[in-house]
Amino acid sequence: MEPKVTQKLEEDVSFIRQAVEQRDEGQYRVLGITVLWAVIIAVGYTLNDFAVEYSALFWTIAPVAGFLLSFGLGVWQGRKQGIRSPGLGRRHALHWGTIFFAGVAVTSIVLSHRIDGRVIGQLFALISGVVFFLGGLHLDRRTLWPGVLLICGSVAIDHIQPYPWTIVGWATAVGLVVSALWMKPKDEGAKDEQVLAAG
């Protein structure tokens, strides 16, 4: 092959690799969605312990508002990074929307069987934990360990005293933020220095 053709192919492959890396790492640069859900979970679970009379109203409004804000932040961030992937956005919306579909099913079961409010909350925590965990496997690895915390927390609520919801909620919220910070990509300048040192 001619040297010019080889050089052009190398440049094209390098460009494609950089575009894929930017797309894959882009989701880890924005902490807004993670912090939003950490706040919703921490506040909501704390209400479950200290202000039960406001808990149902909070859990009716906050997750829907959080979903819409998350969707808007995701679209905005994608545009800011020059990523236009309606398929990825749809996949995220369908995945996270699963919590709402499962919530409708749980509500239907609850209304049919008059299940205790605490158990309802534990079922929602379990469903949310499973969805977070699966999201960590398939979409955004930052939600994997917080999902495990929620799954375990849904059971632990029966065994932790004196404020089980608060403890599980804050553990999950801290887990989300720590996971987001721990799993974000290293500084781009440091990456460039590593490449230069290796070359």
N, C-alpha and C. Protein backbone atom coordinates (compact mmCIF):
# COMPACT_ATOMS: atom_id res chain seq x y z
N MET A 1 0.82 -1.18 0.00
CA MET A 1 0.00 0.00 0.00
C MET A 1 0.87 1.25 0.00
N GLU A 2 0.36 2.29 -0.63
CA GLU A 2 1.11 3.54 -0.68
C GLU A 2 1.15 4.19 0.70
N PRO A 3 2.26 4.87 0.99
CA PRO A 3 2.38 5.51 2.30
C PRO A 3 1.25 6.52 2.58
N LYS A 4 0.81 7.28 1.56
CA LYS A 4 -0.26 8.26 1.77
C LYS A 4 -1.57 7.58 2.12
N VAL A 5 -1.86 6.46 1.47
CA VAL A 5 -3.09 5.72 1.75
C VAL A 5 -3.04 5.13 3.16
N THR A 6 -1.89 4.58 3.52
CA THR A 6 -1.72 4.02 4.85
C THR A 6 -1.88 5.10 5.92
N GLN A 7 -1.27 6.25 5.68
CA GLN A 7 -1.39 7.36 6.65
C GLN A 7 -2.85 7.81 6.76
N LYS A 8 -3.56 7.90 5.63
CA LYS A 8 -4.96 8.32 5.65
C LYS A 8 -5.81 7.30 6.41
N LEU A 9 -5.57 6.01 6.20
CA LEU A 9 -6.30 4.98 6.93
C LEU A 9 -6.04 5.07 8.44
N GLU A 10 -4.79 5.28 8.81
CA GLU A 10 -4.45 5.42 10.23
C GLU A 10 -5.16 6.62 10.85
N GLU A 11 -5.20 7.73 10.11
CA GLU A 11 -5.90 8.93 10.61
C GLU A 11 -7.39 8.67 10.76
N ASP A 12 -7.99 7.98 9.78
CA ASP A 12 -9.42 7.67 9.84
C ASP A 12 -9.74 6.76 11.02
N VAL A 13 -8.93 5.74 11.21
CA VAL A 13 -9.15 4.82 12.33
C VAL A 13 -8.98 5.57 13.66
N SER A 14 -7.98 6.44 13.74
CA SER A 14 -7.76 7.22 14.95
C SER A 14 -8.96 8.14 15.22
N PHE A 15 -9.49 8.77 14.19
CA PHE A 15 -10.66 9.64 14.34
C PHE A 15 -11.86 8.86 14.85
N ILE A 16 -12.10 7.70 14.28
CA ILE A 16 -13.24 6.86 14.70
C ILE A 16 -13.06 6.41 16.14
N ARG A 17 -11.86 5.99 16.50
CA ARG A 17 -11.59 5.56 17.87
C ARG A 17 -11.84 6.70 18.86
N GLN A 18 -11.38 7.90 18.53
CA GLN A 18 -11.60 9.05 19.41
C GLN A 18 -13.08 9.38 19.53
N ALA A 19 -13.82 9.28 18.43
CA ALA A 19 -15.26 9.57 18.48
C ALA A 19 -15.99 8.56 19.37
N VAL A 20 -15.63 7.28 19.25
CA VAL A 20 -16.26 6.24 20.08
C VAL A 20 -15.90 6.44 21.54
N GLU A 21 -14.62 6.73 21.84
CA GLU A 21 -14.20 6.98 23.22
C GLU A 21 -14.93 8.18 23.81
N GLN A 22 -15.07 9.25 23.00
CA GLN A 22 -15.76 10.44 23.48
C GLN A 22 -17.22 10.11 23.79
N ARG A 23 -17.87 9.35 22.93
CA ARG A 23 -19.26 8.97 23.15
C ARG A 23 -19.40 8.12 24.42
N ASP A 24 -18.51 7.13 24.57
CA ASP A 24 -18.60 6.22 25.71
C ASP A 24 -18.25 6.92 27.02
N GLU A 25 -17.29 7.83 26.99
CA GLU A 25 -16.88 8.50 28.22
C GLU A 25 -17.74 9.71 28.55
N GLY A 26 -18.46 10.23 27.56
CA GLY A 26 -19.25 11.43 27.76
C GLY A 26 -20.26 11.30 28.87
N GLN A 27 -20.87 10.13 29.01
CA GLN A 27 -21.89 9.95 30.04
C GLN A 27 -21.31 10.08 31.44
N TYR A 28 -20.00 9.90 31.59
CA TYR A 28 -19.40 9.95 32.92
C TYR A 28 -18.93 11.35 33.30
N ARG A 29 -19.03 12.31 32.38
CA ARG A 29 -18.57 13.65 32.67
C ARG A 29 -19.62 14.48 33.40
N VAL A 30 -20.88 14.15 33.21
CA VAL A 30 -21.95 14.94 33.79
C VAL A 30 -22.47 14.25 35.04
N LEU A 31 -22.43 14.95 36.14
CA LEU A 31 -22.89 14.39 37.40
C LEU A 31 -24.30 14.85 37.75
N GLY A 32 -24.87 15.74 36.96
CA GLY A 32 -26.17 16.33 37.27
C GLY A 32 -27.27 15.31 37.47
N ILE A 33 -27.38 14.35 36.57
CA ILE A 33 -28.44 13.34 36.67
C ILE A 33 -28.22 12.47 37.91
N THR A 34 -26.98 12.11 38.16
CA THR A 34 -26.67 11.29 39.33
C THR A 34 -27.00 12.02 40.62
N VAL A 35 -26.59 13.28 40.70
CA VAL A 35 -26.87 14.07 41.91
C VAL A 35 -28.37 14.27 42.07
N LEU A 36 -29.09 14.51 40.98
CA LEU A 36 -30.54 14.67 41.04
C LEU A 36 -31.20 13.45 41.69
N TRP A 37 -30.82 12.25 41.23
CA TRP A 37 -31.43 11.03 41.79
C TRP A 37 -30.94 10.74 43.20
N ALA A 38 -29.72 11.11 43.50
CA ALA A 38 -29.23 10.95 44.88
C ALA A 38 -30.06 11.81 45.83
N VAL A 39 -30.37 13.04 45.42
CA VAL A 39 -31.18 13.93 46.25
C VAL A 39 -32.61 13.39 46.38
N ILE A 40 -33.20 12.96 45.26
CA ILE A 40 -34.57 12.42 45.31
C ILE A 40 -34.64 11.23 46.26
N ILE A 41 -33.69 10.33 46.15
CA ILE A 41 -33.69 9.13 47.00
C ILE A 41 -33.46 9.50 48.47
N ALA A 42 -32.46 10.34 48.73
CA ALA A 42 -32.16 10.71 50.13
C ALA A 42 -33.34 11.43 50.77
N VAL A 43 -33.93 12.38 50.07
CA VAL A 43 -35.05 13.14 50.64
C VAL A 43 -36.27 12.23 50.81
N GLY A 44 -36.59 11.47 49.77
CA GLY A 44 -37.78 10.61 49.83
C GLY A 44 -37.70 9.55 50.91
N TYR A 45 -36.56 8.91 51.03
CA TYR A 45 -36.42 7.87 52.04
C TYR A 45 -36.42 8.46 53.44
N THR A 46 -35.86 9.66 53.58
CA THR A 46 -35.90 10.34 54.88
C THR A 46 -37.34 10.69 55.25
N LEU A 47 -38.12 11.15 54.28
CA LEU A 47 -39.54 11.42 54.53
C LEU A 47 -40.27 10.16 55.00
N ASN A 48 -39.89 9.01 54.46
CA ASN A 48 -40.53 7.75 54.86
C ASN A 48 -40.39 7.50 56.37
N ASP A 49 -39.30 7.99 56.96
CA ASP A 49 -39.09 7.82 58.40
C ASP A 49 -39.67 8.98 59.21
N PHE A 50 -39.49 10.21 58.76
CA PHE A 50 -39.77 11.37 59.59
C PHE A 50 -41.04 12.14 59.25
N ALA A 51 -41.57 11.98 58.04
CA ALA A 51 -42.77 12.72 57.64
C ALA A 51 -43.61 11.87 56.71
N VAL A 52 -44.08 10.76 57.22
CA VAL A 52 -44.82 9.78 56.42
C VAL A 52 -46.02 10.42 55.73
N GLU A 53 -46.62 11.43 56.36
CA GLU A 53 -47.81 12.06 55.78
C GLU A 53 -47.51 12.77 54.46
N TYR A 54 -46.23 13.14 54.21
CA TYR A 54 -45.85 13.78 52.94
C TYR A 54 -45.19 12.81 51.97
N SER A 55 -44.90 11.63 52.44
CA SER A 55 -44.15 10.66 51.65
C SER A 55 -44.86 10.27 50.35
N ALA A 56 -46.14 9.93 50.43
CA ALA A 56 -46.87 9.49 49.23
C ALA A 56 -46.92 10.60 48.18
N LEU A 57 -47.14 11.83 48.61
CA LEU A 57 -47.17 12.96 47.68
C LEU A 57 -45.79 13.14 47.03
N PHE A 58 -44.74 13.08 47.85
CA PHE A 58 -43.39 13.22 47.32
C PHE A 58 -43.10 12.14 46.27
N TRP A 59 -43.41 10.88 46.61
CA TRP A 59 -43.10 9.78 45.70
C TRP A 59 -44.01 9.76 44.48
N THR A 60 -45.09 10.50 44.50
CA THR A 60 -45.94 10.63 43.32
C THR A 60 -45.37 11.67 42.36
N ILE A 61 -44.80 12.74 42.90
CA ILE A 61 -44.34 13.85 42.07
C ILE A 61 -42.85 13.75 41.72
N ALA A 62 -41.99 13.52 42.70
CA ALA A 62 -40.54 13.61 42.50
C ALA A 62 -39.99 12.66 41.43
N PRO A 63 -40.38 11.38 41.40
CA PRO A 63 -39.81 10.52 40.36
C PRO A 63 -40.21 10.93 38.94
N VAL A 64 -41.44 11.39 38.77
CA VAL A 64 -41.87 11.83 37.43
C VAL A 64 -41.08 13.08 37.03
N ALA A 65 -40.97 14.04 37.95
CA ALA A 65 -40.20 15.25 37.67
C ALA A 65 -38.73 14.89 37.42
N GLY A 66 -38.19 13.97 38.22
CA GLY A 66 -36.80 13.54 38.04
C GLY A 66 -36.57 12.87 36.70
N PHE A 67 -37.53 12.05 36.28
CA PHE A 67 -37.42 11.38 34.98
C PHE A 67 -37.39 12.41 33.86
N LEU A 68 -38.29 13.38 33.91
CA LEU A 68 -38.34 14.41 32.87
C LEU A 68 -37.09 15.27 32.87
N LEU A 69 -36.62 15.66 34.07
CA LEU A 69 -35.38 16.43 34.16
C LEU A 69 -34.18 15.62 33.66
N SER A 70 -34.13 14.34 34.02
CA SER A 70 -33.03 13.48 33.57
C SER A 70 -33.02 13.38 32.05
N PHE A 71 -34.20 13.20 31.48
CA PHE A 71 -34.30 13.11 30.02
C PHE A 71 -33.80 14.40 29.38
N GLY A 72 -34.25 15.54 29.91
CA GLY A 72 -33.81 16.83 29.37
C GLY A 72 -32.32 17.04 29.51
N LEU A 73 -31.76 16.69 30.69
CA LEU A 73 -30.31 16.82 30.89
C LEU A 73 -29.53 15.92 29.94
N GLY A 74 -30.04 14.70 29.74
CA GLY A 74 -29.37 13.77 28.83
C GLY A 74 -29.35 14.28 27.39
N VAL A 75 -30.48 14.81 26.94
CA VAL A 75 -30.55 15.36 25.58
C VAL A 75 -29.62 16.56 25.45
N TRP A 76 -29.66 17.45 26.45
CA TRP A 76 -28.82 18.64 26.42
C TRP A 76 -27.33 18.26 26.39
N GLN A 77 -26.95 17.31 27.24
CA GLN A 77 -25.54 16.91 27.29
C GLN A 77 -25.11 16.25 25.99
N GLY A 78 -25.98 15.43 25.42
CA GLY A 78 -25.65 14.79 24.14
C GLY A 78 -25.42 15.82 23.05
N ARG A 79 -26.28 16.82 22.99
CA ARG A 79 -26.12 17.88 21.98
C ARG A 79 -24.85 18.68 22.23
N LYS A 80 -24.58 18.95 23.49
CA LYS A 80 -23.37 19.71 23.85
C LYS A 80 -22.11 18.97 23.39
N GLN A 81 -22.14 17.64 23.46
CA GLN A 81 -20.99 16.84 23.07
C GLN A 81 -21.02 16.48 21.58
N GLY A 82 -22.07 16.92 20.89
CA GLY A 82 -22.17 16.63 19.46
C GLY A 82 -22.62 15.21 19.17
N ILE A 83 -23.25 14.57 20.13
CA ILE A 83 -23.71 13.19 19.96
C ILE A 83 -25.20 13.22 19.69
N ARG A 84 -25.58 12.67 18.55
CA ARG A 84 -27.00 12.59 18.19
C ARG A 84 -27.32 11.12 18.01
N SER A 85 -27.88 10.56 19.05
CA SER A 85 -28.20 9.14 19.03
C SER A 85 -29.59 8.92 19.61
N PRO A 86 -30.63 9.11 18.77
CA PRO A 86 -31.98 8.92 19.28
C PRO A 86 -32.21 7.50 19.81
N GLY A 87 -31.54 6.53 19.24
CA GLY A 87 -31.68 5.14 19.70
C GLY A 87 -31.21 4.98 21.13
N LEU A 88 -30.09 5.60 21.47
CA LEU A 88 -29.56 5.53 22.83
C LEU A 88 -30.51 6.23 23.81
N GLY A 89 -31.02 7.37 23.41
CA GLY A 89 -31.97 8.09 24.26
C GLY A 89 -33.24 7.28 24.50
N ARG A 90 -33.73 6.65 23.46
CA ARG A 90 -34.92 5.79 23.59
C ARG A 90 -34.64 4.61 24.52
N ARG A 91 -33.47 4.03 24.37
CA ARG A 91 -33.10 2.89 25.22
C ARG A 91 -33.05 3.29 26.70
N HIS A 92 -32.45 4.46 26.97
CA HIS A 92 -32.42 4.94 28.35
C HIS A 92 -33.84 5.21 28.86
N ALA A 93 -34.65 5.90 28.05
CA ALA A 93 -36.02 6.23 28.47
C ALA A 93 -36.84 4.97 28.74
N LEU A 94 -36.72 3.98 27.87
CA LEU A 94 -37.47 2.74 28.08
C LEU A 94 -36.96 1.98 29.30
N HIS A 95 -35.63 1.95 29.45
CA HIS A 95 -35.08 1.23 30.60
C HIS A 95 -35.54 1.85 31.91
N TRP A 96 -35.31 3.16 32.08
CA TRP A 96 -35.65 3.81 33.33
C TRP A 96 -37.16 3.94 33.51
N GLY A 97 -37.88 4.00 32.40
CA GLY A 97 -39.34 4.03 32.47
C GLY A 97 -39.93 2.74 32.99
N THR A 98 -39.14 1.68 32.97
CA THR A 98 -39.59 0.39 33.50
C THR A 98 -40.01 0.50 34.96
N ILE A 99 -39.35 1.38 35.71
CA ILE A 99 -39.72 1.59 37.11
C ILE A 99 -41.18 2.03 37.20
N PHE A 100 -41.60 2.91 36.28
CA PHE A 100 -42.97 3.40 36.32
C PHE A 100 -43.97 2.31 35.92
N PHE A 101 -43.61 1.52 34.91
CA PHE A 101 -44.50 0.42 34.51
C PHE A 101 -44.66 -0.59 35.65
N ALA A 102 -43.54 -0.91 36.30
CA ALA A 102 -43.60 -1.82 37.43
C ALA A 102 -44.38 -1.18 38.59
N GLY A 103 -44.26 0.13 38.74
CA GLY A 103 -45.00 0.83 39.78
C GLY A 103 -46.50 0.73 39.58
N VAL A 104 -46.94 0.79 38.34
CA VAL A 104 -48.37 0.63 38.06
C VAL A 104 -48.82 -0.78 38.45
N ALA A 105 -48.01 -1.78 38.14
CA ALA A 105 -48.34 -3.16 38.51
C ALA A 105 -48.39 -3.32 40.03
N VAL A 106 -47.40 -2.77 40.73
CA VAL A 106 -47.38 -2.87 42.19
C VAL A 106 -48.60 -2.16 42.77
N THR A 107 -48.92 -0.99 42.26
CA THR A 107 -50.09 -0.25 42.75
C THR A 107 -51.36 -1.07 42.56
N SER A 108 -51.49 -1.72 41.43
CA SER A 108 -52.66 -2.56 41.17
C SER A 108 -52.74 -3.71 42.16
N ILE A 109 -51.63 -4.35 42.42
CA ILE A 109 -51.58 -5.46 43.38
C ILE A 109 -51.92 -4.94 44.78
N VAL A 110 -51.35 -3.81 45.13
CA VAL A 110 -51.58 -3.21 46.45
C VAL A 110 -53.07 -2.92 46.66
N LEU A 111 -53.69 -2.33 45.66
CA LEU A 111 -55.11 -2.00 45.78
C LEU A 111 -55.99 -3.25 45.89
N SER A 112 -55.55 -4.33 45.27
CA SER A 112 -56.32 -5.58 45.33
C SER A 112 -56.16 -6.30 46.66
N HIS A 113 -55.00 -6.16 47.30
CA HIS A 113 -54.69 -6.95 48.50
C HIS A 113 -54.49 -6.14 49.77
N ARG A 114 -54.64 -4.85 49.71
CA ARG A 114 -54.48 -3.99 50.90
C ARG A 114 -53.17 -4.26 51.65
N ILE A 115 -52.09 -4.12 50.93
CA ILE A 115 -50.77 -4.36 51.50
C ILE A 115 -50.32 -3.14 52.31
N ASP A 116 -49.62 -3.39 53.40
CA ASP A 116 -49.10 -2.35 54.29
C ASP A 116 -48.18 -1.39 53.53
N GLY A 117 -48.23 -0.11 53.89
CA GLY A 117 -47.44 0.93 53.23
C GLY A 117 -45.94 0.67 53.27
N ARG A 118 -45.46 0.13 54.36
CA ARG A 118 -44.03 -0.17 54.49
C ARG A 118 -43.61 -1.22 53.45
N VAL A 119 -44.44 -2.23 53.28
CA VAL A 119 -44.15 -3.29 52.30
C VAL A 119 -44.20 -2.73 50.88
N ILE A 120 -45.12 -1.82 50.64
CA ILE A 120 -45.21 -1.17 49.32
C ILE A 120 -43.88 -0.47 49.03
N GLY A 121 -43.40 0.28 50.00
CA GLY A 121 -42.12 0.97 49.83
C GLY A 121 -40.98 0.01 49.58
N GLN A 122 -40.99 -1.11 50.29
CA GLN A 122 -39.93 -2.10 50.09
C GLN A 122 -40.00 -2.70 48.69
N LEU A 123 -41.20 -2.93 48.19
CA LEU A 123 -41.34 -3.45 46.82
C LEU A 123 -40.82 -2.44 45.80
N PHE A 124 -41.13 -1.17 46.01
CA PHE A 124 -40.61 -0.13 45.10
C PHE A 124 -39.09 -0.03 45.20
N ALA A 125 -38.54 -0.17 46.40
CA ALA A 125 -37.09 -0.16 46.56
C ALA A 125 -36.46 -1.34 45.83
N LEU A 126 -37.08 -2.50 45.95
CA LEU A 126 -36.57 -3.69 45.27
C LEU A 126 -36.61 -3.51 43.75
N ILE A 127 -37.75 -3.05 43.23
CA ILE A 127 -37.87 -2.83 41.78
C ILE A 127 -36.85 -1.81 41.32
N SER A 128 -36.74 -0.70 42.05
CA SER A 128 -35.77 0.34 41.68
C SER A 128 -34.35 -0.21 41.71
N GLY A 129 -34.03 -1.01 42.73
CA GLY A 129 -32.70 -1.60 42.81
C GLY A 129 -32.39 -2.50 41.63
N VAL A 130 -33.36 -3.31 41.24
CA VAL A 130 -33.15 -4.20 40.08
C VAL A 130 -32.94 -3.38 38.81
N VAL A 131 -33.75 -2.34 38.63
CA VAL A 131 -33.62 -1.50 37.43
C VAL A 131 -32.28 -0.76 37.45
N PHE A 132 -31.87 -0.25 38.60
CA PHE A 132 -30.55 0.41 38.71
C PHE A 132 -29.44 -0.59 38.39
N PHE A 133 -29.52 -1.78 38.96
CA PHE A 133 -28.49 -2.80 38.73
C PHE A 133 -28.40 -3.16 37.25
N LEU A 134 -29.55 -3.43 36.62
CA LEU A 134 -29.54 -3.77 35.20
C LEU A 134 -29.08 -2.60 34.34
N GLY A 135 -29.42 -1.38 34.77
CA GLY A 135 -28.90 -0.20 34.08
C GLY A 135 -27.39 -0.14 34.15
N GLY A 136 -26.85 -0.54 35.30
CA GLY A 136 -25.39 -0.59 35.45
C GLY A 136 -24.74 -1.64 34.57
N LEU A 137 -25.44 -2.72 34.33
CA LEU A 137 -24.91 -3.77 33.45
C LEU A 137 -24.96 -3.36 31.98
N HIS A 138 -26.03 -2.67 31.59
CA HIS A 138 -26.29 -2.45 30.17
C HIS A 138 -26.16 -1.02 29.67
N LEU A 139 -26.24 -0.02 30.56
CA LEU A 139 -26.26 1.36 30.09
C LEU A 139 -25.18 2.24 30.69
N ASP A 140 -25.11 2.28 32.00
CA ASP A 140 -24.23 3.22 32.69
C ASP A 140 -23.72 2.54 33.95
N ARG A 141 -22.50 2.10 33.93
CA ARG A 141 -21.97 1.26 35.02
C ARG A 141 -22.00 1.93 36.39
N ARG A 142 -22.22 3.24 36.42
CA ARG A 142 -22.27 3.94 37.71
C ARG A 142 -23.45 3.52 38.58
N THR A 143 -24.49 2.94 37.98
CA THR A 143 -25.67 2.59 38.77
C THR A 143 -25.64 1.14 39.26
N LEU A 144 -24.63 0.39 38.90
CA LEU A 144 -24.55 -1.02 39.28
C LEU A 144 -24.53 -1.22 40.80
N TRP A 145 -23.57 -0.64 41.48
CA TRP A 145 -23.43 -0.84 42.93
C TRP A 145 -24.54 -0.16 43.74
N PRO A 146 -24.97 1.04 43.34
CA PRO A 146 -26.14 1.59 44.04
C PRO A 146 -27.38 0.69 43.87
N GLY A 147 -27.48 0.01 42.74
CA GLY A 147 -28.57 -0.95 42.56
C GLY A 147 -28.48 -2.09 43.55
N VAL A 148 -27.28 -2.59 43.76
CA VAL A 148 -27.08 -3.65 44.75
C VAL A 148 -27.46 -3.14 46.15
N LEU A 149 -27.06 -1.89 46.46
CA LEU A 149 -27.43 -1.30 47.76
C LEU A 149 -28.95 -1.23 47.94
N LEU A 150 -29.65 -0.83 46.88
CA LEU A 150 -31.12 -0.75 46.97
C LEU A 150 -31.76 -2.13 47.12
N ILE A 151 -31.26 -3.10 46.38
CA ILE A 151 -31.81 -4.46 46.49
C ILE A 151 -31.63 -4.97 47.92
N CYS A 152 -30.41 -4.87 48.43
CA CYS A 152 -30.15 -5.31 49.81
C CYS A 152 -30.91 -4.46 50.81
N GLY A 153 -31.00 -3.16 50.54
CA GLY A 153 -31.71 -2.26 51.43
C GLY A 153 -33.19 -2.55 51.52
N SER A 154 -33.78 -3.04 50.43
CA SER A 154 -35.22 -3.35 50.46
C SER A 154 -35.52 -4.44 51.49
N VAL A 155 -34.57 -5.32 51.72
CA VAL A 155 -34.72 -6.36 52.73
C VAL A 155 -34.27 -5.84 54.10
N ALA A 156 -33.19 -5.07 54.12
CA ALA A 156 -32.61 -4.59 55.37
C ALA A 156 -33.54 -3.65 56.13
N ILE A 157 -34.47 -3.01 55.42
CA ILE A 157 -35.39 -2.07 56.07
C ILE A 157 -36.12 -2.73 57.24
N ASP A 158 -36.38 -4.02 57.16
CA ASP A 158 -37.04 -4.73 58.25
C ASP A 158 -36.12 -4.97 59.45
N HIS A 159 -34.82 -4.82 59.26
CA HIS A 159 -33.87 -5.23 60.30
C HIS A 159 -33.01 -4.09 60.84
N ILE A 160 -33.08 -2.91 60.24
CA ILE A 160 -32.27 -1.77 60.68
C ILE A 160 -33.13 -0.89 61.57
N GLN A 161 -32.56 -0.42 62.66
CA GLN A 161 -33.27 0.50 63.56
C GLN A 161 -32.30 1.59 63.97
N PRO A 162 -32.69 2.76 64.28
CA PRO A 162 -34.05 3.23 64.46
C PRO A 162 -34.65 3.86 63.20
N TYR A 163 -33.85 4.24 62.20
CA TYR A 163 -34.36 4.94 61.01
C TYR A 163 -33.98 4.18 59.75
N PRO A 164 -34.65 3.08 59.47
CA PRO A 164 -34.24 2.20 58.37
C PRO A 164 -34.29 2.86 56.99
N TRP A 165 -35.36 3.61 56.73
CA TRP A 165 -35.49 4.23 55.41
C TRP A 165 -34.40 5.28 55.20
N THR A 166 -34.14 6.06 56.21
CA THR A 166 -33.13 7.11 56.12
C THR A 166 -31.76 6.49 55.86
N ILE A 167 -31.44 5.44 56.59
CA ILE A 167 -30.13 4.79 56.42
C ILE A 167 -29.99 4.22 55.01
N VAL A 168 -31.01 3.51 54.54
CA VAL A 168 -30.94 2.92 53.20
C VAL A 168 -30.91 4.01 52.13
N GLY A 169 -31.73 5.05 52.31
CA GLY A 169 -31.77 6.14 51.33
C GLY A 169 -30.46 6.88 51.22
N TRP A 170 -29.89 7.23 52.37
CA TRP A 170 -28.62 7.96 52.34
C TRP A 170 -27.46 7.08 51.87
N ALA A 171 -27.48 5.80 52.24
CA ALA A 171 -26.44 4.89 51.74
C ALA A 171 -26.50 4.79 50.22
N THR A 172 -27.71 4.71 49.68
CA THR A 172 -27.87 4.63 48.23
C THR A 172 -27.45 5.94 47.57
N ALA A 173 -27.85 7.07 48.15
CA ALA A 173 -27.50 8.38 47.58
C ALA A 173 -25.99 8.57 47.58
N VAL A 174 -25.35 8.27 48.70
CA VAL A 174 -23.89 8.39 48.77
C VAL A 174 -23.25 7.41 47.78
N GLY A 175 -23.82 6.20 47.68
CA GLY A 175 -23.31 5.21 46.72
C GLY A 175 -23.39 5.72 45.29
N LEU A 176 -24.47 6.40 44.95
CA LEU A 176 -24.61 6.95 43.60
C LEU A 176 -23.53 7.99 43.31
N VAL A 177 -23.36 8.92 44.24
CA VAL A 177 -22.39 10.00 44.03
C VAL A 177 -20.96 9.46 44.03
N VAL A 178 -20.63 8.60 44.98
CA VAL A 178 -19.28 8.01 45.02
C VAL A 178 -19.01 7.21 43.77
N SER A 179 -19.98 6.42 43.35
CA SER A 179 -19.82 5.61 42.14
C SER A 179 -19.61 6.51 40.93
N ALA A 180 -20.35 7.60 40.84
CA ALA A 180 -20.21 8.52 39.71
C ALA A 180 -18.84 9.18 39.70
N LEU A 181 -18.36 9.56 40.85
CA LEU A 181 -17.04 10.19 40.93
C LEU A 181 -15.92 9.19 40.71
N TRP A 182 -16.08 8.01 41.27
CA TRP A 182 -15.04 6.98 41.18
C TRP A 182 -14.91 6.44 39.76
N MET A 183 -16.02 6.34 39.06
CA MET A 183 -16.00 5.71 37.74
C MET A 183 -15.90 6.69 36.59
N LYS A 184 -15.76 7.98 36.88
CA LYS A 184 -15.63 8.92 35.78
C LYS A 184 -14.23 8.81 35.20
N PRO A 185 -14.07 9.18 33.92
CA PRO A 185 -12.76 9.03 33.30
C PRO A 185 -11.73 9.96 33.92
N LYS A 186 -10.49 9.54 33.79
CA LYS A 186 -9.41 10.35 34.31
C LYS A 186 -9.29 11.62 33.46
N ASP A 187 -8.56 12.58 34.00
CA ASP A 187 -8.36 13.85 33.32
C ASP A 187 -7.79 13.61 31.92
N GLU A 188 -8.34 14.32 30.94
CA GLU A 188 -7.90 14.17 29.55
C GLU A 188 -6.42 14.51 29.39
N GLY A 189 -5.96 15.53 30.12
CA GLY A 189 -4.54 15.90 30.03
C GLY A 189 -3.65 14.77 30.49
N ALA A 190 -4.04 14.08 31.55
CA ALA A 190 -3.26 12.95 32.04
C ALA A 190 -3.25 11.83 31.02
N LYS A 191 -4.38 11.63 30.33
CA LYS A 191 -4.46 10.59 29.30
C LYS A 191 -3.49 10.93 28.16
N ASP A 192 -3.48 12.21 27.75
CA ASP A 192 -2.57 12.63 26.66
C ASP A 192 -1.12 12.42 27.06
N GLU A 193 -0.79 12.72 28.33
CA GLU A 193 0.57 12.51 28.81
C GLU A 193 0.95 11.03 28.78
N GLN A 194 -0.01 10.16 29.13
CA GLN A 194 0.26 8.72 29.09
C GLN A 194 0.54 8.26 27.67
N VAL A 195 -0.23 8.78 26.70
CA VAL A 195 -0.03 8.41 25.30
C VAL A 195 1.32 8.88 24.82
N LEU A 196 1.69 10.12 25.19
CA LEU A 196 2.99 10.65 24.79
C LEU A 196 4.13 9.86 25.42
N ALA A 197 3.97 9.48 26.70
CA ALA A 197 5.01 8.73 27.38
C ALA A 197 5.17 7.34 26.76
N ALA A 198 4.06 6.74 26.32
CA ALA A 198 4.12 5.40 25.74
C ALA A 198 4.73 5.43 24.35
N GLY A 199 4.52 6.56 23.64
CA GLY A 199 4.97 6.68 22.25
C GLY A 199 6.39 7.01 22.21
